[in-house]
Amino acid sequence: MLTCPRLDFGIQVIIAPSFGDIFKNNAMQNGMLPITLPSDICTSLLADAQSGQPLEVDLQKLEIRRPGGAPAVPFEIEEFRRHCLLNGLDDIGLTLQKGKEIDVFEERRSKEWPWLDGVGYAKQVAAVAQGASAKSMDW
């Protein structure tokens, strides 16, 4: 069984003055929110966390709420990334949202270029439609 490190360790948000592009993209791909804030704000939030104060990150409102009535700290994130995180979408989930369009494309492709389907493809599709499990393609 595969597990997600974010779920294993409970890490959902990382706050820092900067992130490398690769790390930032990988974090978001794994469902973690990297928030970039100025160093002085990061230091202040770290002090709150080290003293056991709870911090609440609200992705909907794009703010970090601090304890004791301190003003909320706003942050920015690309709207597309925000949408993906709020809806639990990774690359596969985004692709599956286009399921109907993919089915239409595959049907058209099979009619126009049947040789691309490989030997036995039509039989396999028919069998799966009748409830059989999918077998590997005979390429």
N, C-alpha and C. Protein backbone atom coordinates (compact mmCIF):
# COMPACT_ATOMS: atom_id res chain seq x y z
N MET A 1 0.84 -1.17 0.00
CA MET A 1 0.00 0.00 0.00
C MET A 1 0.89 1.25 0.00
N LEU A 2 0.58 2.19 -0.88
CA LEU A 2 1.34 3.44 -0.94
C LEU A 2 0.75 4.43 0.04
N THR A 3 1.61 5.23 0.65
CA THR A 3 1.14 6.26 1.55
C THR A 3 1.73 7.59 1.13
N CYS A 4 1.05 8.64 1.48
CA CYS A 4 1.52 9.99 1.17
C CYS A 4 2.30 10.52 2.36
N PRO A 5 3.54 11.00 2.17
CA PRO A 5 4.32 11.52 3.30
C PRO A 5 3.58 12.62 4.05
N ARG A 6 2.85 13.46 3.34
CA ARG A 6 2.12 14.54 4.00
C ARG A 6 1.17 13.96 5.02
N LEU A 7 0.49 12.87 4.67
CA LEU A 7 -0.46 12.25 5.58
C LEU A 7 0.27 11.54 6.71
N ASP A 8 1.41 10.94 6.40
CA ASP A 8 2.17 10.23 7.43
C ASP A 8 2.66 11.16 8.53
N PHE A 9 3.18 12.31 8.16
CA PHE A 9 3.77 13.22 9.12
C PHE A 9 2.85 14.37 9.51
N GLY A 10 1.72 14.52 8.84
CA GLY A 10 0.77 15.57 9.17
C GLY A 10 1.13 16.94 8.63
N ILE A 11 2.13 17.03 7.75
CA ILE A 11 2.55 18.32 7.21
C ILE A 11 1.59 18.74 6.11
N GLN A 12 0.97 19.89 6.29
CA GLN A 12 0.06 20.41 5.28
C GLN A 12 0.52 21.76 4.75
N VAL A 13 1.28 22.50 5.56
CA VAL A 13 1.71 23.85 5.19
C VAL A 13 3.17 24.03 5.57
N ILE A 14 3.91 24.71 4.71
CA ILE A 14 5.29 25.07 4.99
C ILE A 14 5.41 26.57 4.76
N ILE A 15 5.88 27.29 5.76
CA ILE A 15 6.01 28.75 5.66
C ILE A 15 7.48 29.10 5.73
N ALA A 16 7.96 29.86 4.74
CA ALA A 16 9.37 30.23 4.68
C ALA A 16 9.54 31.50 3.86
N PRO A 17 10.71 32.16 3.97
CA PRO A 17 10.97 33.36 3.18
C PRO A 17 11.12 33.08 1.69
N SER A 18 11.52 31.85 1.33
CA SER A 18 11.65 31.51 -0.09
C SER A 18 11.66 29.99 -0.25
N PHE A 19 11.41 29.56 -1.48
CA PHE A 19 11.44 28.15 -1.84
C PHE A 19 12.08 28.03 -3.22
N GLY A 20 12.78 26.93 -3.43
CA GLY A 20 13.25 26.62 -4.77
C GLY A 20 12.05 26.21 -5.62
N ASP A 21 12.11 26.48 -6.92
CA ASP A 21 10.99 26.16 -7.80
C ASP A 21 10.63 24.68 -7.78
N ILE A 22 11.63 23.82 -7.82
CA ILE A 22 11.36 22.38 -7.83
C ILE A 22 10.67 21.96 -6.54
N PHE A 23 11.19 22.42 -5.41
CA PHE A 23 10.58 22.06 -4.12
C PHE A 23 9.14 22.56 -4.05
N LYS A 24 8.93 23.80 -4.45
CA LYS A 24 7.59 24.39 -4.39
C LYS A 24 6.60 23.59 -5.25
N ASN A 25 6.99 23.26 -6.47
CA ASN A 25 6.12 22.49 -7.35
C ASN A 25 5.87 21.09 -6.80
N ASN A 26 6.90 20.43 -6.28
CA ASN A 26 6.72 19.10 -5.72
C ASN A 26 5.83 19.13 -4.48
N ALA A 27 6.00 20.15 -3.64
CA ALA A 27 5.15 20.26 -2.45
C ALA A 27 3.69 20.36 -2.85
N MET A 28 3.39 21.22 -3.79
CA MET A 28 2.00 21.38 -4.22
C MET A 28 1.47 20.11 -4.87
N GLN A 29 2.31 19.42 -5.64
CA GLN A 29 1.90 18.16 -6.26
C GLN A 29 1.54 17.13 -5.20
N ASN A 30 2.15 17.24 -4.03
CA ASN A 30 1.89 16.30 -2.94
C ASN A 30 0.87 16.81 -1.93
N GLY A 31 0.17 17.88 -2.29
CA GLY A 31 -0.90 18.38 -1.44
C GLY A 31 -0.46 19.26 -0.30
N MET A 32 0.78 19.75 -0.33
CA MET A 32 1.26 20.66 0.71
C MET A 32 1.25 22.09 0.18
N LEU A 33 0.97 23.02 1.05
CA LEU A 33 0.91 24.43 0.68
C LEU A 33 2.17 25.15 1.13
N PRO A 34 3.05 25.55 0.19
CA PRO A 34 4.21 26.36 0.56
C PRO A 34 3.82 27.84 0.52
N ILE A 35 3.99 28.51 1.64
CA ILE A 35 3.64 29.94 1.74
C ILE A 35 4.93 30.74 1.89
N THR A 36 5.12 31.70 1.00
CA THR A 36 6.29 32.57 1.05
C THR A 36 5.90 33.88 1.72
N LEU A 37 6.63 34.22 2.79
CA LEU A 37 6.38 35.46 3.53
C LEU A 37 7.73 36.11 3.87
N PRO A 38 7.71 37.41 4.14
CA PRO A 38 8.96 38.07 4.54
C PRO A 38 9.57 37.43 5.79
N SER A 39 10.88 37.52 5.92
CA SER A 39 11.61 36.89 7.02
C SER A 39 11.11 37.30 8.39
N ASP A 40 10.82 38.60 8.58
CA ASP A 40 10.38 39.04 9.90
C ASP A 40 9.04 38.42 10.29
N ILE A 41 8.14 38.23 9.33
CA ILE A 41 6.85 37.60 9.62
C ILE A 41 7.05 36.11 9.90
N CYS A 42 7.94 35.47 9.13
CA CYS A 42 8.25 34.06 9.39
C CYS A 42 8.80 33.89 10.81
N THR A 43 9.68 34.76 11.22
CA THR A 43 10.26 34.70 12.56
C THR A 43 9.18 34.86 13.62
N SER A 44 8.27 35.78 13.41
CA SER A 44 7.18 36.00 14.36
C SER A 44 6.25 34.79 14.45
N LEU A 45 5.93 34.20 13.30
CA LEU A 45 5.08 33.00 13.29
C LEU A 45 5.80 31.82 13.94
N LEU A 46 7.09 31.72 13.72
CA LEU A 46 7.89 30.66 14.34
C LEU A 46 7.86 30.80 15.86
N ALA A 47 7.98 32.01 16.36
CA ALA A 47 7.92 32.25 17.81
C ALA A 47 6.58 31.81 18.37
N ASP A 48 5.51 32.12 17.66
CA ASP A 48 4.18 31.68 18.09
C ASP A 48 4.13 30.15 18.16
N ALA A 49 4.60 29.49 17.09
CA ALA A 49 4.54 28.03 17.02
C ALA A 49 5.41 27.39 18.11
N GLN A 50 6.60 27.94 18.35
CA GLN A 50 7.49 27.36 19.35
C GLN A 50 6.96 27.52 20.77
N SER A 51 6.13 28.53 20.97
CA SER A 51 5.54 28.71 22.30
C SER A 51 4.25 27.90 22.46
N GLY A 52 3.95 27.08 21.44
CA GLY A 52 2.78 26.22 21.53
C GLY A 52 1.48 26.88 21.11
N GLN A 53 1.57 28.08 20.56
CA GLN A 53 0.38 28.79 20.11
C GLN A 53 -0.11 28.18 18.80
N PRO A 54 -1.40 27.99 18.66
CA PRO A 54 -1.91 27.44 17.41
C PRO A 54 -1.94 28.49 16.30
N LEU A 55 -1.59 28.08 15.09
CA LEU A 55 -1.72 28.92 13.91
C LEU A 55 -2.74 28.24 13.00
N GLU A 56 -3.60 29.02 12.41
CA GLU A 56 -4.61 28.47 11.51
C GLU A 56 -4.42 29.08 10.13
N VAL A 57 -4.19 28.21 9.14
CA VAL A 57 -4.02 28.66 7.77
C VAL A 57 -5.35 28.44 7.04
N ASP A 58 -5.91 29.52 6.54
CA ASP A 58 -7.19 29.46 5.83
C ASP A 58 -6.93 29.69 4.34
N LEU A 59 -6.92 28.60 3.58
CA LEU A 59 -6.65 28.69 2.15
C LEU A 59 -7.80 29.36 1.42
N GLN A 60 -9.00 29.21 1.96
CA GLN A 60 -10.17 29.85 1.36
C GLN A 60 -10.03 31.37 1.41
N LYS A 61 -9.66 31.90 2.57
CA LYS A 61 -9.55 33.36 2.76
C LYS A 61 -8.14 33.89 2.53
N LEU A 62 -7.20 32.99 2.26
CA LEU A 62 -5.80 33.36 2.02
C LEU A 62 -5.22 34.16 3.19
N GLU A 63 -5.35 33.58 4.38
CA GLU A 63 -4.79 34.24 5.55
C GLU A 63 -4.36 33.23 6.60
N ILE A 64 -3.39 33.66 7.41
CA ILE A 64 -2.93 32.86 8.54
C ILE A 64 -3.43 33.58 9.78
N ARG A 65 -4.25 32.89 10.57
CA ARG A 65 -4.78 33.48 11.80
C ARG A 65 -3.88 33.11 12.96
N ARG A 66 -3.57 34.14 13.76
CA ARG A 66 -2.66 33.98 14.88
C ARG A 66 -3.44 34.02 16.19
N PRO A 67 -2.82 33.54 17.25
CA PRO A 67 -3.51 33.52 18.54
C PRO A 67 -3.59 34.90 19.19
N GLY A 68 -4.46 35.03 20.16
CA GLY A 68 -4.52 36.23 20.99
C GLY A 68 -5.02 37.47 20.28
N GLY A 69 -5.77 37.32 19.23
CA GLY A 69 -6.32 38.47 18.55
C GLY A 69 -5.33 39.24 17.68
N ALA A 70 -4.15 38.68 17.47
CA ALA A 70 -3.18 39.33 16.58
C ALA A 70 -3.77 39.38 15.17
N PRO A 71 -3.41 40.41 14.41
CA PRO A 71 -3.97 40.52 13.06
C PRO A 71 -3.57 39.32 12.18
N ALA A 72 -4.50 38.92 11.33
CA ALA A 72 -4.24 37.81 10.41
C ALA A 72 -3.17 38.22 9.41
N VAL A 73 -2.40 37.24 8.97
CA VAL A 73 -1.33 37.48 8.00
C VAL A 73 -1.83 37.02 6.63
N PRO A 74 -1.96 37.93 5.68
CA PRO A 74 -2.41 37.52 4.34
C PRO A 74 -1.26 36.86 3.56
N PHE A 75 -1.61 35.98 2.65
CA PHE A 75 -0.62 35.38 1.76
C PHE A 75 -1.24 35.22 0.39
N GLU A 76 -0.38 34.96 -0.60
CA GLU A 76 -0.83 34.80 -1.98
C GLU A 76 -0.48 33.42 -2.49
N ILE A 77 -1.28 32.94 -3.42
CA ILE A 77 -1.03 31.69 -4.11
C ILE A 77 -1.69 31.78 -5.48
N GLU A 78 -1.12 31.14 -6.47
CA GLU A 78 -1.73 31.14 -7.80
C GLU A 78 -3.13 30.54 -7.70
N GLU A 79 -4.08 31.12 -8.40
CA GLU A 79 -5.48 30.68 -8.32
C GLU A 79 -5.63 29.21 -8.75
N PHE A 80 -4.92 28.80 -9.79
CA PHE A 80 -5.00 27.41 -10.23
C PHE A 80 -4.52 26.46 -9.14
N ARG A 81 -3.40 26.77 -8.52
CA ARG A 81 -2.85 25.92 -7.45
C ARG A 81 -3.81 25.89 -6.26
N ARG A 82 -4.39 27.03 -5.96
CA ARG A 82 -5.36 27.12 -4.86
C ARG A 82 -6.56 26.20 -5.15
N HIS A 83 -7.06 26.27 -6.37
CA HIS A 83 -8.19 25.43 -6.78
C HIS A 83 -7.84 23.95 -6.61
N CYS A 84 -6.65 23.56 -7.06
CA CYS A 84 -6.23 22.17 -6.96
C CYS A 84 -6.13 21.71 -5.51
N LEU A 85 -5.52 22.52 -4.66
CA LEU A 85 -5.37 22.16 -3.25
C LEU A 85 -6.73 22.09 -2.55
N LEU A 86 -7.59 23.05 -2.81
CA LEU A 86 -8.91 23.06 -2.17
C LEU A 86 -9.75 21.86 -2.58
N ASN A 87 -9.54 21.38 -3.80
CA ASN A 87 -10.36 20.28 -4.32
C ASN A 87 -9.62 18.94 -4.34
N GLY A 88 -8.42 18.90 -3.77
CA GLY A 88 -7.67 17.65 -3.71
C GLY A 88 -7.30 17.08 -5.06
N LEU A 89 -6.98 17.95 -6.01
CA LEU A 89 -6.69 17.51 -7.37
C LEU A 89 -5.19 17.45 -7.64
N ASP A 90 -4.74 16.31 -8.12
CA ASP A 90 -3.39 16.19 -8.64
C ASP A 90 -3.51 16.08 -10.17
N ASP A 91 -2.43 15.77 -10.86
CA ASP A 91 -2.48 15.70 -12.32
C ASP A 91 -3.49 14.66 -12.81
N ILE A 92 -3.56 13.54 -12.12
CA ILE A 92 -4.52 12.50 -12.53
C ILE A 92 -5.95 12.98 -12.30
N GLY A 93 -6.20 13.59 -11.15
CA GLY A 93 -7.54 14.12 -10.87
C GLY A 93 -7.97 15.17 -11.87
N LEU A 94 -7.04 16.03 -12.26
CA LEU A 94 -7.35 17.04 -13.28
C LEU A 94 -7.70 16.39 -14.61
N THR A 95 -6.94 15.35 -14.96
CA THR A 95 -7.19 14.65 -16.22
C THR A 95 -8.55 13.95 -16.18
N LEU A 96 -8.87 13.32 -15.07
CA LEU A 96 -10.13 12.60 -14.96
C LEU A 96 -11.35 13.52 -15.05
N GLN A 97 -11.16 14.80 -14.77
CA GLN A 97 -12.26 15.74 -14.94
C GLN A 97 -12.66 15.87 -16.40
N LYS A 98 -11.78 15.48 -17.30
CA LYS A 98 -12.03 15.56 -18.74
C LYS A 98 -12.43 14.20 -19.31
N GLY A 99 -12.98 13.31 -18.48
CA GLY A 99 -13.31 11.95 -18.88
C GLY A 99 -14.19 11.86 -20.12
N LYS A 100 -15.22 12.67 -20.20
CA LYS A 100 -16.12 12.61 -21.36
C LYS A 100 -15.39 13.02 -22.63
N GLU A 101 -14.59 14.09 -22.55
CA GLU A 101 -13.84 14.54 -23.71
C GLU A 101 -12.83 13.49 -24.15
N ILE A 102 -12.22 12.80 -23.18
CA ILE A 102 -11.26 11.75 -23.51
C ILE A 102 -11.96 10.60 -24.22
N ASP A 103 -13.14 10.21 -23.72
CA ASP A 103 -13.90 9.13 -24.36
C ASP A 103 -14.26 9.48 -25.81
N VAL A 104 -14.70 10.73 -26.03
CA VAL A 104 -15.06 11.17 -27.38
C VAL A 104 -13.82 11.12 -28.29
N PHE A 105 -12.70 11.61 -27.77
CA PHE A 105 -11.46 11.58 -28.55
C PHE A 105 -11.06 10.15 -28.89
N GLU A 106 -11.08 9.25 -27.91
CA GLU A 106 -10.66 7.87 -28.17
C GLU A 106 -11.58 7.19 -29.18
N GLU A 107 -12.87 7.47 -29.11
CA GLU A 107 -13.80 6.88 -30.07
C GLU A 107 -13.49 7.39 -31.48
N ARG A 108 -13.27 8.70 -31.61
CA ARG A 108 -12.94 9.27 -32.92
C ARG A 108 -11.61 8.74 -33.43
N ARG A 109 -10.63 8.65 -32.53
CA ARG A 109 -9.32 8.14 -32.93
C ARG A 109 -9.42 6.71 -33.43
N SER A 110 -10.21 5.87 -32.75
CA SER A 110 -10.36 4.48 -33.18
C SER A 110 -11.01 4.37 -34.55
N LYS A 111 -11.94 5.27 -34.84
CA LYS A 111 -12.61 5.25 -36.15
C LYS A 111 -11.68 5.76 -37.25
N GLU A 112 -10.94 6.84 -36.97
CA GLU A 112 -10.10 7.45 -38.00
C GLU A 112 -8.75 6.75 -38.18
N TRP A 113 -8.19 6.22 -37.11
CA TRP A 113 -6.87 5.59 -37.16
C TRP A 113 -6.89 4.27 -36.40
N PRO A 114 -7.63 3.28 -36.87
CA PRO A 114 -7.79 2.03 -36.12
C PRO A 114 -6.48 1.29 -35.88
N TRP A 115 -5.49 1.49 -36.73
CA TRP A 115 -4.20 0.81 -36.56
C TRP A 115 -3.47 1.26 -35.30
N LEU A 116 -3.86 2.40 -34.73
CA LEU A 116 -3.22 2.86 -33.50
C LEU A 116 -3.71 2.12 -32.26
N ASP A 117 -4.81 1.39 -32.41
CA ASP A 117 -5.38 0.69 -31.26
C ASP A 117 -4.63 -0.57 -30.88
N GLY A 118 -3.85 -1.11 -31.77
CA GLY A 118 -3.12 -2.33 -31.48
C GLY A 118 -3.99 -3.56 -31.71
N VAL A 119 -3.35 -4.70 -31.75
CA VAL A 119 -4.04 -5.96 -32.01
C VAL A 119 -4.95 -6.28 -30.82
N GLY A 120 -6.20 -6.54 -31.11
CA GLY A 120 -7.13 -6.96 -30.06
C GLY A 120 -7.72 -5.84 -29.23
N TYR A 121 -7.44 -4.59 -29.55
CA TYR A 121 -7.92 -3.47 -28.74
C TYR A 121 -9.45 -3.44 -28.70
N ALA A 122 -10.11 -3.55 -29.85
CA ALA A 122 -11.57 -3.47 -29.91
C ALA A 122 -12.20 -4.58 -29.08
N LYS A 123 -11.63 -5.79 -29.13
CA LYS A 123 -12.16 -6.90 -28.33
C LYS A 123 -12.03 -6.61 -26.84
N GLN A 124 -10.89 -6.04 -26.46
CA GLN A 124 -10.66 -5.73 -25.04
C GLN A 124 -11.63 -4.67 -24.56
N VAL A 125 -11.86 -3.63 -25.35
CA VAL A 125 -12.79 -2.57 -24.97
C VAL A 125 -14.19 -3.15 -24.80
N ALA A 126 -14.60 -4.02 -25.72
CA ALA A 126 -15.91 -4.65 -25.64
C ALA A 126 -16.02 -5.53 -24.40
N ALA A 127 -14.97 -6.28 -24.09
CA ALA A 127 -14.99 -7.16 -22.92
C ALA A 127 -15.08 -6.35 -21.63
N VAL A 128 -14.32 -5.26 -21.56
CA VAL A 128 -14.36 -4.40 -20.37
C VAL A 128 -15.74 -3.79 -20.21
N ALA A 129 -16.36 -3.38 -21.31
CA ALA A 129 -17.71 -2.81 -21.27
C ALA A 129 -18.71 -3.83 -20.73
N GLN A 130 -18.43 -5.13 -20.91
CA GLN A 130 -19.31 -6.19 -20.42
C GLN A 130 -18.93 -6.66 -19.02
N GLY A 131 -17.94 -6.01 -18.40
CA GLY A 131 -17.60 -6.32 -17.02
C GLY A 131 -16.31 -7.07 -16.80
N ALA A 132 -15.61 -7.43 -17.85
CA ALA A 132 -14.33 -8.13 -17.69
C ALA A 132 -13.27 -7.14 -17.23
N SER A 133 -12.21 -7.65 -16.59
CA SER A 133 -11.13 -6.76 -16.18
C SER A 133 -10.24 -6.46 -17.38
N ALA A 134 -9.62 -5.28 -17.36
CA ALA A 134 -8.75 -4.87 -18.46
C ALA A 134 -7.47 -5.67 -18.44
N LYS A 135 -7.00 -6.08 -19.62
CA LYS A 135 -5.74 -6.80 -19.76
C LYS A 135 -4.73 -5.85 -20.40
N SER A 136 -3.47 -6.23 -20.33
CA SER A 136 -2.44 -5.37 -20.93
C SER A 136 -2.64 -5.33 -22.46
N MET A 137 -2.25 -4.21 -23.04
CA MET A 137 -2.38 -4.04 -24.48
C MET A 137 -1.34 -4.90 -25.20
N ASP A 138 -1.72 -5.41 -26.35
CA ASP A 138 -0.81 -6.20 -27.18
C ASP A 138 -0.20 -5.27 -28.23
N TRP A 139 0.80 -4.52 -27.85
CA TRP A 139 1.39 -3.51 -28.74
C TRP A 139 2.37 -4.21 -29.63
